[in-house]
Amino acid sequence: MRTSVKSGIGAAVLGAAMVTGVFIGQAVANQPHMENALASLIAARDQLAMAEHNKGGHRAEALRLTNAAIDETRAGMADAE
């Protein structure tokens, strides 16, 4: 009888730990501001890529910096997971 009680308690503790882990993972993975920023940066990059090339090198530099910002945003999101 004692073994089944211990097994039941152990199963309950394990189940609670698993459920808690799922909620913690969702809280960390849920990054709406970073996701929105990433989507905006990608949209900006697409617009810069379609722009005319007659900008004295500024368009190309903006593309480079936007790509760097996309990379940094993704890295920040990965660190938070």
Protein backbone atom coordinates (compact mmCIF):
# COMPACT_ATOMS: atom_id res chain seq x y z
CA MET A 1 0.00 0.00 0.00
CA ARG A 2 2.79 2.43 0.86
CA THR A 3 4.47 1.78 -2.49
CA SER A 4 1.35 2.72 -4.44
CA VAL A 5 0.94 5.92 -2.41
CA LYS A 6 4.57 6.87 -3.07
CA SER A 7 4.14 6.07 -6.75
CA GLY A 8 1.00 8.21 -6.90
CA ILE A 9 2.74 11.13 -5.21
CA GLY A 10 5.74 10.74 -7.50
CA ALA A 11 3.52 10.72 -10.57
CA ALA A 12 1.66 13.81 -9.35
CA VAL A 13 4.91 15.69 -8.71
CA LEU A 14 6.27 14.69 -12.11
CA GLY A 15 3.05 15.77 -13.81
CA ALA A 16 3.06 19.12 -12.03
CA ALA A 17 6.69 19.70 -13.01
CA MET A 18 5.95 18.92 -16.65
CA VAL A 19 2.95 21.27 -16.74
CA THR A 20 4.98 24.03 -15.08
CA GLY A 21 7.76 23.52 -17.60
CA VAL A 22 5.34 23.89 -20.48
CA PHE A 23 3.98 27.18 -19.13
CA ILE A 24 7.46 28.53 -18.42
CA GLY A 25 8.53 27.61 -21.96
CA GLN A 26 5.54 29.43 -23.41
CA ALA A 27 6.21 32.52 -21.33
CA VAL A 28 9.81 32.66 -22.53
CA ALA A 29 9.02 31.79 -26.14
CA ASN A 30 6.16 34.28 -26.37
CA GLN A 31 7.94 37.41 -27.61
CA PRO A 32 5.34 39.47 -29.44
CA HIS A 33 7.38 42.67 -29.51
CA MET A 34 10.47 40.95 -30.89
CA GLU A 35 8.33 39.04 -33.40
CA ASN A 36 6.66 42.28 -34.53
CA ALA A 37 10.02 44.04 -34.77
CA LEU A 38 11.42 41.18 -36.84
CA ALA A 39 8.45 41.27 -39.21
CA SER A 40 8.84 45.05 -39.61
CA LEU A 41 12.57 44.73 -40.29
CA ILE A 42 11.95 42.07 -42.92
CA ALA A 43 9.30 44.27 -44.56
CA ALA A 44 11.71 47.23 -44.50
CA ARG A 45 14.45 45.10 -46.07
CA ASP A 46 12.08 44.03 -48.84
CA GLN A 47 11.16 47.66 -49.55
CA LEU A 48 14.81 48.73 -49.58
CA ALA A 49 15.65 45.91 -51.97
CA MET A 50 12.98 47.15 -54.40
CA ALA A 51 14.01 50.81 -54.17
CA GLU A 52 15.95 52.52 -56.95
CA HIS A 53 19.73 52.21 -56.71
CA ASN A 54 20.37 55.95 -57.21
CA LYS A 55 20.84 56.83 -53.55
CA GLY A 56 24.57 57.48 -53.39
CA GLY A 57 25.25 54.23 -51.55
CA HIS A 58 22.83 55.02 -48.73
CA ARG A 59 20.28 52.42 -49.86
CA ALA A 60 22.96 49.72 -49.88
CA GLU A 61 24.15 50.77 -46.41
CA ALA A 62 20.57 50.78 -45.12
CA LEU A 63 20.16 47.25 -46.49
CA ARG A 64 23.35 46.15 -44.76
CA LEU A 65 22.28 47.66 -41.44
CA THR A 66 18.76 46.25 -41.74
CA ASN A 67 20.17 42.77 -42.37
CA ALA A 68 22.38 43.20 -39.31
CA ALA A 69 19.35 44.29 -37.26
CA ILE A 70 17.44 41.21 -38.44
CA ASP A 71 20.34 38.99 -37.38
CA GLU A 72 20.58 40.69 -33.97
CA THR A 73 16.83 40.45 -33.41
CA ARG A 74 16.86 36.74 -34.21
CA ALA A 75 19.86 36.23 -31.91
CA GLY A 76 18.09 38.04 -29.09
CA MET A 77 15.00 35.91 -29.56
CA ALA A 78 17.11 32.73 -29.51
CA ASP A 79 18.83 33.81 -26.29
CA ALA A 80 15.48 34.28 -24.59
CA GLU A 81 14.38 30.71 -25.34
